[in-house]
Amino acid sequence: GSLTELRAAVPERTVRVAPDVPPIRAALDRLGRSAPGSNGHVDYCLPATSDFAAILHDLVALAPVTHFEPIPPSLASIYLRAIGSTTDEASIP
């Protein structure tokens, strides 16, 4: 398939949020699983079908959000899924 089709088939999306504070982590913990973040950001793997606008709205109600970025799956992640990799590398954003 095309890159767009392969990207759409990945069941999770990573969302990068800052600041990394307890209220934001608590809200995101209910929605997905945390992934390593950096530079004051927290990364979470969420279902691709998530309503990211609603999530941002809810987070802003909890704390001042300075960064919110849904990250599309990387080419490496798409490739590993396409070849049927079962390693943790397939969950790379």
N, C-alpha and C. Protein backbone atom coordinates (compact mmCIF):
# COMPACT_ATOMS: atom_id res chain seq x y z
N GLY A 1 0.81 -1.18 0.00
CA GLY A 1 0.00 0.00 0.00
C GLY A 1 0.86 1.25 0.00
N SER A 2 0.22 2.37 -0.09
CA SER A 2 0.92 3.65 -0.06
C SER A 2 1.35 3.97 1.38
N LEU A 3 2.23 4.94 1.51
CA LEU A 3 2.67 5.36 2.84
C LEU A 3 1.48 5.84 3.68
N THR A 4 0.58 6.56 3.07
CA THR A 4 -0.61 7.04 3.78
C THR A 4 -1.43 5.86 4.30
N GLU A 5 -1.62 4.84 3.47
CA GLU A 5 -2.39 3.66 3.89
C GLU A 5 -1.67 2.91 5.00
N LEU A 6 -0.35 2.75 4.86
CA LEU A 6 0.41 2.05 5.89
C LEU A 6 0.40 2.83 7.20
N ARG A 7 0.54 4.13 7.13
CA ARG A 7 0.52 4.97 8.33
C ARG A 7 -0.85 4.89 9.01
N ALA A 8 -1.92 4.88 8.24
CA ALA A 8 -3.27 4.80 8.80
C ALA A 8 -3.52 3.46 9.49
N ALA A 9 -2.79 2.43 9.09
CA ALA A 9 -2.99 1.10 9.66
C ALA A 9 -2.32 0.93 11.02
N VAL A 10 -1.46 1.85 11.41
CA VAL A 10 -0.80 1.76 12.71
C VAL A 10 -1.83 2.12 13.78
N PRO A 11 -2.05 1.24 14.76
CA PRO A 11 -3.15 1.43 15.70
C PRO A 11 -2.92 2.46 16.80
N GLU A 12 -1.69 2.93 16.95
CA GLU A 12 -1.39 3.89 18.00
C GLU A 12 -0.72 5.14 17.43
N ARG A 13 -0.86 6.22 18.18
CA ARG A 13 -0.16 7.46 17.87
C ARG A 13 0.52 7.92 19.14
N THR A 14 1.67 8.52 18.99
CA THR A 14 2.35 9.13 20.13
C THR A 14 1.93 10.59 20.18
N VAL A 15 1.64 11.06 21.39
CA VAL A 15 1.36 12.47 21.59
C VAL A 15 2.41 12.98 22.58
N ARG A 16 3.02 14.10 22.23
CA ARG A 16 4.05 14.72 23.07
C ARG A 16 3.44 15.96 23.72
N VAL A 17 3.54 16.03 25.05
CA VAL A 17 2.90 17.09 25.82
C VAL A 17 3.90 17.70 26.80
N ALA A 18 3.79 19.00 26.99
CA ALA A 18 4.56 19.70 28.02
C ALA A 18 3.62 20.69 28.69
N PRO A 19 3.80 20.92 29.95
CA PRO A 19 4.84 20.40 30.81
C PRO A 19 4.51 18.99 31.32
N ASP A 20 5.53 18.32 31.80
CA ASP A 20 5.38 16.99 32.39
C ASP A 20 5.06 17.19 33.87
N VAL A 21 3.78 17.34 34.16
CA VAL A 21 3.33 17.57 35.55
C VAL A 21 2.30 16.50 35.94
N PRO A 22 2.16 16.24 37.24
CA PRO A 22 1.27 15.16 37.70
C PRO A 22 -0.16 15.21 37.16
N PRO A 23 -0.84 16.37 37.10
CA PRO A 23 -2.22 16.32 36.59
C PRO A 23 -2.31 15.86 35.13
N ILE A 24 -1.34 16.27 34.31
CA ILE A 24 -1.33 15.86 32.91
C ILE A 24 -1.03 14.37 32.80
N ARG A 25 -0.04 13.91 33.57
CA ARG A 25 0.27 12.47 33.56
C ARG A 25 -0.93 11.64 34.00
N ALA A 26 -1.61 12.07 35.04
CA ALA A 26 -2.76 11.31 35.55
C ALA A 26 -3.85 11.20 34.49
N ALA A 27 -4.12 12.29 33.79
CA ALA A 27 -5.15 12.26 32.74
C ALA A 27 -4.72 11.35 31.59
N LEU A 28 -3.46 11.44 31.19
CA LEU A 28 -2.99 10.62 30.07
C LEU A 28 -2.85 9.15 30.45
N ASP A 29 -2.55 8.88 31.72
CA ASP A 29 -2.47 7.48 32.17
C ASP A 29 -3.79 6.75 31.96
N ARG A 30 -4.89 7.47 32.04
CA ARG A 30 -6.22 6.85 31.84
C ARG A 30 -6.48 6.54 30.36
N LEU A 31 -5.71 7.16 29.47
CA LEU A 31 -5.97 7.02 28.03
C LEU A 31 -5.00 6.10 27.30
N GLY A 32 -3.80 5.96 27.81
CA GLY A 32 -2.79 5.18 27.09
C GLY A 32 -1.62 4.86 27.98
N ARG A 33 -0.49 4.55 27.35
CA ARG A 33 0.70 4.19 28.11
C ARG A 33 1.80 5.20 27.84
N SER A 34 2.60 5.46 28.87
CA SER A 34 3.67 6.43 28.72
C SER A 34 4.82 5.83 27.94
N ALA A 35 5.55 6.70 27.29
CA ALA A 35 6.74 6.34 26.53
C ALA A 35 7.83 7.32 26.96
N PRO A 36 9.09 6.98 26.74
CA PRO A 36 10.15 7.90 27.15
C PRO A 36 9.99 9.27 26.50
N GLY A 37 10.09 10.31 27.29
CA GLY A 37 10.03 11.68 26.80
C GLY A 37 11.36 12.37 27.09
N SER A 38 11.47 13.64 26.76
CA SER A 38 12.70 14.37 27.02
C SER A 38 12.41 15.86 27.05
N ASN A 39 13.36 16.61 27.57
CA ASN A 39 13.29 18.07 27.58
C ASN A 39 12.00 18.60 28.19
N GLY A 40 11.54 17.99 29.29
CA GLY A 40 10.34 18.47 29.96
C GLY A 40 9.04 18.04 29.30
N HIS A 41 9.14 17.21 28.26
CA HIS A 41 7.95 16.68 27.58
C HIS A 41 7.64 15.30 28.11
N VAL A 42 6.40 14.91 28.01
CA VAL A 42 5.99 13.54 28.29
C VAL A 42 5.37 13.00 27.01
N ASP A 43 5.71 11.77 26.66
CA ASP A 43 5.16 11.11 25.48
C ASP A 43 4.22 10.00 25.93
N TYR A 44 3.09 9.90 25.23
CA TYR A 44 2.12 8.84 25.51
C TYR A 44 1.70 8.20 24.20
N CYS A 45 1.55 6.87 24.23
CA CYS A 45 1.01 6.13 23.09
C CYS A 45 -0.49 5.99 23.33
N LEU A 46 -1.26 6.55 22.40
CA LEU A 46 -2.72 6.54 22.50
C LEU A 46 -3.31 5.85 21.28
N PRO A 47 -4.52 5.35 21.38
CA PRO A 47 -5.16 4.78 20.19
C PRO A 47 -5.23 5.81 19.06
N ALA A 48 -5.01 5.35 17.85
CA ALA A 48 -5.03 6.24 16.68
C ALA A 48 -6.39 6.91 16.50
N THR A 49 -7.42 6.30 17.04
CA THR A 49 -8.77 6.85 16.91
C THR A 49 -9.09 7.91 17.96
N SER A 50 -8.11 8.25 18.80
CA SER A 50 -8.33 9.25 19.85
C SER A 50 -8.73 10.59 19.26
N ASP A 51 -9.55 11.30 19.99
CA ASP A 51 -9.94 12.66 19.63
C ASP A 51 -8.93 13.60 20.27
N PHE A 52 -7.87 13.94 19.52
CA PHE A 52 -6.78 14.72 20.08
C PHE A 52 -7.21 16.13 20.46
N ALA A 53 -8.16 16.72 19.76
CA ALA A 53 -8.66 18.04 20.13
C ALA A 53 -9.35 18.00 21.49
N ALA A 54 -10.14 16.97 21.73
CA ALA A 54 -10.82 16.83 23.02
C ALA A 54 -9.82 16.56 24.14
N ILE A 55 -8.80 15.77 23.84
CA ILE A 55 -7.76 15.50 24.84
C ILE A 55 -7.05 16.80 25.22
N LEU A 56 -6.67 17.59 24.22
CA LEU A 56 -6.02 18.87 24.49
C LEU A 56 -6.93 19.76 25.33
N HIS A 57 -8.19 19.82 24.98
CA HIS A 57 -9.15 20.63 25.73
C HIS A 57 -9.18 20.20 27.20
N ASP A 58 -9.22 18.89 27.44
CA ASP A 58 -9.27 18.37 28.81
C ASP A 58 -7.97 18.67 29.56
N LEU A 59 -6.83 18.55 28.89
CA LEU A 59 -5.55 18.82 29.54
C LEU A 59 -5.41 20.29 29.92
N VAL A 60 -5.84 21.18 29.04
CA VAL A 60 -5.76 22.62 29.31
C VAL A 60 -6.59 22.98 30.54
N ALA A 61 -7.66 22.25 30.78
CA ALA A 61 -8.48 22.50 31.96
C ALA A 61 -7.75 22.08 33.24
N LEU A 62 -6.74 21.21 33.11
CA LEU A 62 -6.01 20.72 34.28
C LEU A 62 -4.75 21.51 34.59
N ALA A 63 -4.07 21.98 33.55
CA ALA A 63 -2.78 22.67 33.72
C ALA A 63 -2.49 23.46 32.44
N PRO A 64 -1.67 24.51 32.54
CA PRO A 64 -1.29 25.26 31.34
C PRO A 64 -0.43 24.39 30.42
N VAL A 65 -0.95 24.03 29.28
CA VAL A 65 -0.22 23.19 28.33
C VAL A 65 0.59 24.10 27.41
N THR A 66 1.90 23.85 27.34
CA THR A 66 2.76 24.68 26.50
C THR A 66 3.15 23.99 25.20
N HIS A 67 2.91 22.68 25.13
CA HIS A 67 3.24 21.93 23.91
C HIS A 67 2.30 20.73 23.82
N PHE A 68 1.71 20.52 22.65
CA PHE A 68 0.84 19.37 22.41
C PHE A 68 1.04 18.98 20.96
N GLU A 69 1.60 17.80 20.73
CA GLU A 69 1.96 17.39 19.37
C GLU A 69 1.66 15.92 19.13
N PRO A 70 0.60 15.61 18.38
CA PRO A 70 0.43 14.22 17.93
C PRO A 70 1.51 13.93 16.88
N ILE A 71 2.22 12.83 17.06
CA ILE A 71 3.34 12.49 16.18
C ILE A 71 2.95 11.32 15.30
N PRO A 72 3.00 11.48 13.97
CA PRO A 72 2.67 10.36 13.10
C PRO A 72 3.70 9.24 13.23
N PRO A 73 3.32 8.02 12.93
CA PRO A 73 4.27 6.90 13.02
C PRO A 73 5.48 7.14 12.11
N SER A 74 6.64 6.77 12.61
CA SER A 74 7.86 6.92 11.82
C SER A 74 7.92 5.87 10.71
N LEU A 75 8.75 6.12 9.74
CA LEU A 75 8.95 5.14 8.67
C LEU A 75 9.48 3.83 9.24
N ALA A 76 10.37 3.91 10.25
CA ALA A 76 10.91 2.69 10.86
C ALA A 76 9.81 1.87 11.50
N SER A 77 8.91 2.54 12.22
CA SER A 77 7.80 1.84 12.86
C SER A 77 6.88 1.20 11.83
N ILE A 78 6.57 1.95 10.78
CA ILE A 78 5.71 1.42 9.72
C ILE A 78 6.35 0.21 9.05
N TYR A 79 7.64 0.30 8.77
CA TYR A 79 8.35 -0.81 8.14
C TYR A 79 8.33 -2.05 9.03
N LEU A 80 8.64 -1.88 10.31
CA LEU A 80 8.66 -3.03 11.22
C LEU A 80 7.29 -3.68 11.32
N ARG A 81 6.24 -2.89 11.32
CA ARG A 81 4.88 -3.46 11.34
C ARG A 81 4.58 -4.17 10.03
N ALA A 82 5.01 -3.59 8.92
CA ALA A 82 4.72 -4.17 7.60
C ALA A 82 5.38 -5.54 7.43
N ILE A 83 6.58 -5.70 8.02
CA ILE A 83 7.26 -6.99 7.88
C ILE A 83 6.88 -7.96 8.98
N GLY A 84 5.99 -7.52 9.89
CA GLY A 84 5.51 -8.41 10.93
C GLY A 84 6.42 -8.53 12.13
N SER A 85 7.24 -7.52 12.39
CA SER A 85 8.12 -7.54 13.54
C SER A 85 7.28 -7.61 14.82
N THR A 86 7.74 -8.43 15.76
CA THR A 86 7.05 -8.52 17.06
C THR A 86 7.89 -7.92 18.16
N THR A 87 8.94 -7.20 17.83
CA THR A 87 9.79 -6.58 18.83
C THR A 87 9.17 -5.30 19.33
N ASP A 88 9.69 -4.81 20.44
CA ASP A 88 9.22 -3.53 20.98
C ASP A 88 9.50 -2.38 20.02
N GLU A 89 10.45 -2.58 19.10
CA GLU A 89 10.75 -1.52 18.14
C GLU A 89 9.56 -1.17 17.28
N ALA A 90 8.60 -2.08 17.15
CA ALA A 90 7.40 -1.79 16.34
C ALA A 90 6.54 -0.72 16.98
N SER A 91 6.79 -0.42 18.27
CA SER A 91 6.01 0.63 18.93
C SER A 91 6.72 1.97 18.90
N ILE A 92 7.79 2.08 18.14
CA ILE A 92 8.49 3.35 17.97
C ILE A 92 7.54 4.32 17.30
N PRO A 93 7.46 5.57 17.83
CA PRO A 93 6.51 6.52 17.21
C PRO A 93 6.84 6.80 15.77
